[in-house]
Amino acid sequence: MATVILRPNESQEALLRRFRKKVAKSGILSTVRRKRWFVSKSELRRIQRKKAIRRLKRRQRKYAARHRE
């Protein structure tokens, strides 16, 4: 759990900003979003394969764009 302690002369906005940054770095939100619904192993593999294909296509486009010049 991400915790922050109010520093002397610190505004509520600054405290909230520090808390949000800590939560983002710890990966709590991404874990919660991922575990919100049950995903079977086969579905997880399918999603990962889809992401890998997309990643490769993106890399190929970047590579082609760099070497066109």
PDB file of N, CA and C in Angstrom:
ATOM      1  N   MET A   1       0.846  -1.180   0.000  1.00  0.00           N
ATOM      2  CA  MET A   1       0.000   0.000   0.000  1.00  0.00           C
ATOM      3  C   MET A   1       0.889   1.240   0.000  1.00  0.00           C
ATOM      4  N   ALA A   2       0.560   2.181  -0.855  1.00  0.00           N
ATOM      5  CA  ALA A   2       1.315   3.425  -0.947  1.00  0.00           C
ATOM      6  C   ALA A   2       0.829   4.380   0.145  1.00  0.00           C
ATOM      7  N   THR A   3       1.760   4.862   0.921  1.00  0.00           N
ATOM      8  CA  THR A   3       1.403   5.824   1.964  1.00  0.00           C
ATOM      9  C   THR A   3       2.285   7.051   1.845  1.00  0.00           C
ATOM     10  N   VAL A   4       1.708   8.197   2.153  1.00  0.00           N
ATOM     11  CA  VAL A   4       2.459   9.449   2.179  1.00  0.00           C
ATOM     12  C   VAL A   4       2.105  10.183   3.465  1.00  0.00           C
ATOM     13  N   ILE A   5       3.074  10.860   4.018  1.00  0.00           N
ATOM     14  CA  ILE A   5       2.873  11.615   5.255  1.00  0.00           C
ATOM     15  C   ILE A   5       2.963  13.096   4.916  1.00  0.00           C
ATOM     16  N   LEU A   6       2.033  13.858   5.432  1.00  0.00           N
ATOM     17  CA  LEU A   6       1.995  15.296   5.183  1.00  0.00           C
ATOM     18  C   LEU A   6       3.241  15.960   5.756  1.00  0.00           C
ATOM     19  N   ARG A   7       3.986  16.638   4.897  1.00  0.00           N
ATOM     20  CA  ARG A   7       5.196  17.337   5.325  1.00  0.00           C
ATOM     21  C   ARG A   7       4.805  18.713   5.860  1.00  0.00           C
ATOM     22  N   PRO A   8       5.645  19.300   6.691  1.00  0.00           N
ATOM     23  CA  PRO A   8       5.323  20.647   7.189  1.00  0.00           C
ATOM     24  C   PRO A   8       5.227  21.640   6.028  1.00  0.00           C
ATOM     25  N   ASN A   9       4.229  22.489   6.067  1.00  0.00           N
ATOM     26  CA  ASN A   9       3.971  23.521   5.057  1.00  0.00           C
ATOM     27  C   ASN A   9       3.704  22.947   3.661  1.00  0.00           C
ATOM     28  N   GLU A  10       3.236  21.695   3.587  1.00  0.00           N
ATOM     29  CA  GLU A  10       2.919  21.098   2.295  1.00  0.00           C
ATOM     30  C   GLU A  10       1.418  21.219   2.040  1.00  0.00           C
ATOM     31  N   SER A  11       1.058  21.624   0.832  1.00  0.00           N
ATOM     32  CA  SER A  11      -0.359  21.780   0.500  1.00  0.00           C
ATOM     33  C   SER A  11      -0.977  20.411   0.225  1.00  0.00           C
ATOM     34  N   GLN A  12      -2.300  20.391   0.266  1.00  0.00           N
ATOM     35  CA  GLN A  12      -3.026  19.144  -0.012  1.00  0.00           C
ATOM     36  C   GLN A  12      -2.800  18.692  -1.457  1.00  0.00           C
ATOM     37  N   GLU A  13      -2.677  19.665  -2.375  1.00  0.00           N
ATOM     38  CA  GLU A  13      -2.447  19.343  -3.781  1.00  0.00           C
ATOM     39  C   GLU A  13      -1.102  18.645  -3.960  1.00  0.00           C
ATOM     40  N   ALA A  14      -0.074  19.155  -3.280  1.00  0.00           N
ATOM     41  CA  ALA A  14       1.258  18.560  -3.380  1.00  0.00           C
ATOM     42  C   ALA A  14       1.261  17.153  -2.774  1.00  0.00           C
ATOM     43  N   LEU A  15       0.554  16.995  -1.667  1.00  0.00           N
ATOM     44  CA  LEU A  15       0.449  15.687  -1.025  1.00  0.00           C
ATOM     45  C   LEU A  15      -0.228  14.684  -1.963  1.00  0.00           C
ATOM     46  N   LEU A  16      -1.324  15.121  -2.582  1.00  0.00           N
ATOM     47  CA  LEU A  16      -2.058  14.264  -3.509  1.00  0.00           C
ATOM     48  C   LEU A  16      -1.196  13.918  -4.723  1.00  0.00           C
ATOM     49  N   ARG A  17      -0.427  14.884  -5.223  1.00  0.00           N
ATOM     50  CA  ARG A  17       0.460  14.659  -6.359  1.00  0.00           C
ATOM     51  C   ARG A  17       1.510  13.606  -6.020  1.00  0.00           C
ATOM     52  N   ARG A  18       2.102  13.702  -4.812  1.00  0.00           N
ATOM     53  CA  ARG A  18       3.102  12.714  -4.364  1.00  0.00           C
ATOM     54  C   ARG A  18       2.477  11.328  -4.244  1.00  0.00           C
ATOM     55  N   PHE A  19       1.241  11.279  -3.719  1.00  0.00           N
ATOM     56  CA  PHE A  19       0.553   9.998  -3.552  1.00  0.00           C
ATOM     57  C   PHE A  19       0.297   9.348  -4.907  1.00  0.00           C
ATOM     58  N   ARG A  20      -0.204  10.137  -5.859  1.00  0.00           N
ATOM     59  CA  ARG A  20      -0.486   9.597  -7.194  1.00  0.00           C
ATOM     60  C   ARG A  20       0.778   9.081  -7.862  1.00  0.00           C
ATOM     61  N   LYS A  21       1.877   9.803  -7.684  1.00  0.00           N
ATOM     62  CA  LYS A  21       3.153   9.395  -8.273  1.00  0.00           C
ATOM     63  C   LYS A  21       3.616   8.073  -7.668  1.00  0.00           C
ATOM     64  N   LYS A  22       3.454   7.945  -6.349  1.00  0.00           N
ATOM     65  CA  LYS A  22       3.848   6.720  -5.651  1.00  0.00           C
ATOM     66  C   LYS A  22       3.011   5.528  -6.112  1.00  0.00           C
ATOM     67  N   VAL A  23       1.710   5.744  -6.266  1.00  0.00           N
ATOM     68  CA  VAL A  23       0.807   4.687  -6.719  1.00  0.00           C
ATOM     69  C   VAL A  23       1.182   4.253  -8.136  1.00  0.00           C
ATOM     70  N   ALA A  24       1.469   5.211  -8.998  1.00  0.00           N
ATOM     71  CA  ALA A  24       1.836   4.899 -10.378  1.00  0.00           C
ATOM     72  C   ALA A  24       3.130   4.096 -10.429  1.00  0.00           C
ATOM     73  N   LYS A  25       4.128   4.489  -9.629  1.00  0.00           N
ATOM     74  CA  LYS A  25       5.410   3.787  -9.622  1.00  0.00           C
ATOM     75  C   LYS A  25       5.291   2.374  -9.066  1.00  0.00           C
ATOM     76  N   SER A  26       4.434   2.189  -8.073  1.00  0.00           N
ATOM     77  CA  SER A  26       4.303   0.869  -7.448  1.00  0.00           C
ATOM     78  C   SER A  26       3.541  -0.114  -8.334  1.00  0.00           C
ATOM     79  N   GLY A  27       2.776   0.384  -9.306  1.00  0.00           N
ATOM     80  CA  GLY A  27       2.046  -0.490 -10.216  1.00  0.00           C
ATOM     81  C   GLY A  27       0.761  -1.052  -9.639  1.00  0.00           C
ATOM     82  N   ILE A  28       0.242  -0.427  -8.602  1.00  0.00           N
ATOM     83  CA  ILE A  28      -0.980  -0.912  -7.955  1.00  0.00           C
ATOM     84  C   ILE A  28      -2.162  -0.865  -8.915  1.00  0.00           C
ATOM     85  N   LEU A  29      -2.325   0.257  -9.615  1.00  0.00           N
ATOM     86  CA  LEU A  29      -3.477   0.417 -10.506  1.00  0.00           C
ATOM     87  C   LEU A  29      -3.454  -0.567 -11.656  1.00  0.00           C
ATOM     88  N   SER A  30      -2.285  -0.795 -12.241  1.00  0.00           N
ATOM     89  CA  SER A  30      -2.214  -1.741 -13.357  1.00  0.00           C
ATOM     90  C   SER A  30      -2.544  -3.158 -12.890  1.00  0.00           C
ATOM     91  N   THR A  31      -2.124  -3.500 -11.676  1.00  0.00           N
ATOM     92  CA  THR A  31      -2.441  -4.814 -11.118  1.00  0.00           C
ATOM     93  C   THR A  31      -3.946  -4.952 -10.894  1.00  0.00           C
ATOM     94  N   VAL A  32      -4.552  -3.929 -10.346  1.00  0.00           N
ATOM     95  CA  VAL A  32      -5.994  -3.964 -10.085  1.00  0.00           C
ATOM     96  C   VAL A  32      -6.758  -4.085 -11.392  1.00  0.00           C
ATOM     97  N   ARG A  33      -6.361  -3.306 -12.399  1.00  0.00           N
ATOM     98  CA  ARG A  33      -7.040  -3.367 -13.698  1.00  0.00           C
ATOM     99  C   ARG A  33      -6.890  -4.752 -14.326  1.00  0.00           C
ATOM    100  N   ARG A  34      -5.698  -5.334 -14.199  1.00  0.00           N
ATOM    101  CA  ARG A  34      -5.444  -6.648 -14.787  1.00  0.00           C
ATOM    102  C   ARG A  34      -6.255  -7.737 -14.091  1.00  0.00           C
ATOM    103  N   LYS A  35      -6.435  -7.624 -12.788  1.00  0.00           N
ATOM    104  CA  LYS A  35      -7.118  -8.669 -12.024  1.00  0.00           C
ATOM    105  C   LYS A  35      -8.604  -8.398 -11.838  1.00  0.00           C
ATOM    106  N   ARG A  36      -9.120  -7.370 -12.530  1.00  0.00           N
ATOM    107  CA  ARG A  36     -10.521  -7.023 -12.370  1.00  0.00           C
ATOM    108  C   ARG A  36     -11.438  -8.152 -12.834  1.00  0.00           C
ATOM    109  N   TRP A  37     -11.060  -8.806 -13.937  1.00  0.00           N
ATOM    110  CA  TRP A  37     -11.811  -9.942 -14.444  1.00  0.00           C
ATOM    111  C   TRP A  37     -10.880 -11.130 -14.588  1.00  0.00           C
ATOM    112  N   PHE A  38     -11.448 -12.318 -14.502  1.00  0.00           N
ATOM    113  CA  PHE A  38     -10.658 -13.527 -14.682  1.00  0.00           C
ATOM    114  C   PHE A  38     -10.380 -13.720 -16.158  1.00  0.00           C
ATOM    115  N   VAL A  39      -9.113 -13.996 -16.493  1.00  0.00           N
ATOM    116  CA  VAL A  39      -8.726 -14.272 -17.868  1.00  0.00           C
ATOM    117  C   VAL A  39      -8.075 -15.646 -17.882  1.00  0.00           C
ATOM    118  N   SER A  40      -8.635 -16.545 -18.699  1.00  0.00           N
ATOM    119  CA  SER A  40      -8.091 -17.900 -18.762  1.00  0.00           C
ATOM    120  C   SER A  40      -6.697 -17.880 -19.371  1.00  0.00           C
ATOM    121  N   LYS A  41      -5.940 -18.949 -19.160  1.00  0.00           N
ATOM    122  CA  LYS A  41      -4.569 -19.020 -19.661  1.00  0.00           C
ATOM    123  C   LYS A  41      -4.522 -18.941 -21.178  1.00  0.00           C
ATOM    124  N   SER A  42      -5.474 -19.611 -21.845  1.00  0.00           N
ATOM    125  CA  SER A  42      -5.491 -19.587 -23.310  1.00  0.00           C
ATOM    126  C   SER A  42      -5.769 -18.170 -23.820  1.00  0.00           C
ATOM    127  N   GLU A  43      -6.683 -17.485 -23.153  1.00  0.00           N
ATOM    128  CA  GLU A  43      -7.001 -16.103 -23.526  1.00  0.00           C
ATOM    129  C   GLU A  43      -5.796 -15.199 -23.287  1.00  0.00           C
ATOM    130  N   LEU A  44      -5.091 -15.422 -22.179  1.00  0.00           N
ATOM    131  CA  LEU A  44      -3.898 -14.635 -21.852  1.00  0.00           C
ATOM    132  C   LEU A  44      -2.818 -14.843 -22.911  1.00  0.00           C
ATOM    133  N   ARG A  45      -2.624 -16.102 -23.336  1.00  0.00           N
ATOM    134  CA  ARG A  45      -1.641 -16.398 -24.386  1.00  0.00           C
ATOM    135  C   ARG A  45      -2.020 -15.714 -25.693  1.00  0.00           C
ATOM    136  N   ARG A  46      -3.308 -15.729 -26.016  1.00  0.00           N
ATOM    137  CA  ARG A  46      -3.784 -15.101 -27.247  1.00  0.00           C
ATOM    138  C   ARG A  46      -3.518 -13.594 -27.218  1.00  0.00           C
ATOM    139  N   ILE A  47      -3.793 -12.971 -26.084  1.00  0.00           N
ATOM    140  CA  ILE A  47      -3.565 -11.532 -25.922  1.00  0.00           C
ATOM    141  C   ILE A  47      -2.081 -11.215 -26.035  1.00  0.00           C
ATOM    142  N   GLN A  48      -1.241 -12.026 -25.383  1.00  0.00           N
ATOM    143  CA  GLN A  48       0.201 -11.791 -25.432  1.00  0.00           C
ATOM    144  C   GLN A  48       0.737 -11.947 -26.846  1.00  0.00           C
ATOM    145  N   ARG A  49       0.231 -12.944 -27.578  1.00  0.00           N
ATOM    146  CA  ARG A  49       0.671 -13.159 -28.959  1.00  0.00           C
ATOM    147  C   ARG A  49       0.266 -11.964 -29.829  1.00  0.00           C
ATOM    148  N   LYS A  50      -0.946 -11.456 -29.608  1.00  0.00           N
ATOM    149  CA  LYS A  50      -1.439 -10.300 -30.342  1.00  0.00           C
ATOM    150  C   LYS A  50      -0.563  -9.067 -30.069  1.00  0.00           C
ATOM    151  N   LYS A  51      -0.196  -8.875 -28.795  1.00  0.00           N
ATOM    152  CA  LYS A  51       0.665  -7.749 -28.416  1.00  0.00           C
ATOM    153  C   LYS A  51       2.044  -7.873 -29.054  1.00  0.00           C
ATOM    154  N   ALA A  52       2.571  -9.101 -29.098  1.00  0.00           N
ATOM    155  CA  ALA A  52       3.898  -9.328 -29.676  1.00  0.00           C
ATOM    156  C   ALA A  52       3.891  -9.009 -31.166  1.00  0.00           C
ATOM    157  N   ILE A  53       2.840  -9.427 -31.865  1.00  0.00           N
ATOM    158  CA  ILE A  53       2.728  -9.144 -33.300  1.00  0.00           C
ATOM    159  C   ILE A  53       2.663  -7.639 -33.534  1.00  0.00           C
ATOM    160  N   ARG A  54       1.867  -6.966 -32.732  1.00  0.00           N
ATOM    161  CA  ARG A  54       1.724  -5.507 -32.856  1.00  0.00           C
ATOM    162  C   ARG A  54       3.058  -4.816 -32.598  1.00  0.00           C
ATOM    163  N   ARG A  55       3.788  -5.298 -31.579  1.00  0.00           N
ATOM    164  CA  ARG A  55       5.092  -4.726 -31.231  1.00  0.00           C
ATOM    165  C   ARG A  55       6.077  -4.907 -32.387  1.00  0.00           C
ATOM    166  N   LEU A  56       6.102  -6.103 -32.995  1.00  0.00           N
ATOM    167  CA  LEU A  56       6.997  -6.370 -34.123  1.00  0.00           C
ATOM    168  C   LEU A  56       6.670  -5.488 -35.322  1.00  0.00           C
ATOM    169  N   LYS A  57       5.376  -5.339 -35.618  1.00  0.00           N
ATOM    170  CA  LYS A  57       4.965  -4.488 -36.737  1.00  0.00           C
ATOM    171  C   LYS A  57       5.404  -3.047 -36.509  1.00  0.00           C
ATOM    172  N   ARG A  58       5.261  -2.577 -35.278  1.00  0.00           N
ATOM    173  CA  ARG A  58       5.657  -1.211 -34.937  1.00  0.00           C
ATOM    174  C   ARG A  58       7.162  -1.028 -35.108  1.00  0.00           C
ATOM    175  N   ARG A  59       7.937  -2.016 -34.653  1.00  0.00           N
ATOM    176  CA  ARG A  59       9.398  -1.951 -34.799  1.00  0.00           C
ATOM    177  C   ARG A  59       9.809  -1.953 -36.261  1.00  0.00           C
ATOM    178  N   GLN A  60       9.127  -2.770 -37.066  1.00  0.00           N
ATOM    179  CA  GLN A  60       9.445  -2.836 -38.490  1.00  0.00           C
ATOM    180  C   GLN A  60       9.151  -1.496 -39.169  1.00  0.00           C
ATOM    181  N   ARG A  61       8.046  -0.855 -38.801  1.00  0.00           N
ATOM    182  CA  ARG A  61       7.716   0.452 -39.374  1.00  0.00           C
ATOM    183  C   ARG A  61       8.767   1.484 -39.003  1.00  0.00           C
ATOM    184  N   LYS A  62       9.198   1.489 -37.740  1.00  0.00           N
ATOM    185  CA  LYS A  62      10.227   2.436 -37.294  1.00  0.00           C
ATOM    186  C   LYS A  62      11.535   2.186 -38.019  1.00  0.00           C
ATOM    187  N   TYR A  63      11.893   0.915 -38.172  1.00  0.00           N
ATOM    188  CA  TYR A  63      13.137   0.547 -38.837  1.00  0.00           C
ATOM    189  C   TYR A  63      13.102   0.981 -40.292  1.00  0.00           C
ATOM    190  N   ALA A  64      11.970   0.738 -40.954  1.00  0.00           N
ATOM    191  CA  ALA A  64      11.816   1.102 -42.369  1.00  0.00           C
ATOM    192  C   ALA A  64      11.867   2.623 -42.535  1.00  0.00           C
ATOM    193  N   ALA A  65      11.255   3.348 -41.614  1.00  0.00           N
ATOM    194  CA  ALA A  65      11.238   4.807 -41.706  1.00  0.00           C
ATOM    195  C   ALA A  65      12.645   5.376 -41.527  1.00  0.00           C
ATOM    196  N   ARG A  66      13.440   4.791 -40.666  1.00  0.00           N
ATOM    197  CA  ARG A  66      14.808   5.268 -40.423  1.00  0.00           C
ATOM    198  C   ARG A  66      15.716   5.013 -41.604  1.00  0.00           C
ATOM    199  N   HIS A  67      15.521   3.877 -42.271  1.00  0.00           N
ATOM    200  CA  HIS A  67      16.449   3.483 -43.326  1.00  0.00           C
ATOM    201  C   HIS A  67      15.980   3.905 -44.724  1.00  0.00           C
ATOM    202  N   ARG A  68      14.872   4.609 -44.798  1.00  0.00           N
ATOM    203  CA  ARG A  68      14.400   5.129 -46.063  1.00  0.00           C
ATOM    204  C   ARG A  68      15.241   6.323 -46.503  1.00  0.00           C
ATOM    205  N   GLU A  69      15.729   7.064 -45.543  1.00  0.00           N
ATOM    206  CA  GLU A  69      16.477   8.299 -45.832  1.00  0.00           C
ATOM    207  C   GLU A  69      17.852   8.058 -46.372  1.00  0.00           C
TER     208      GLU A  69
END
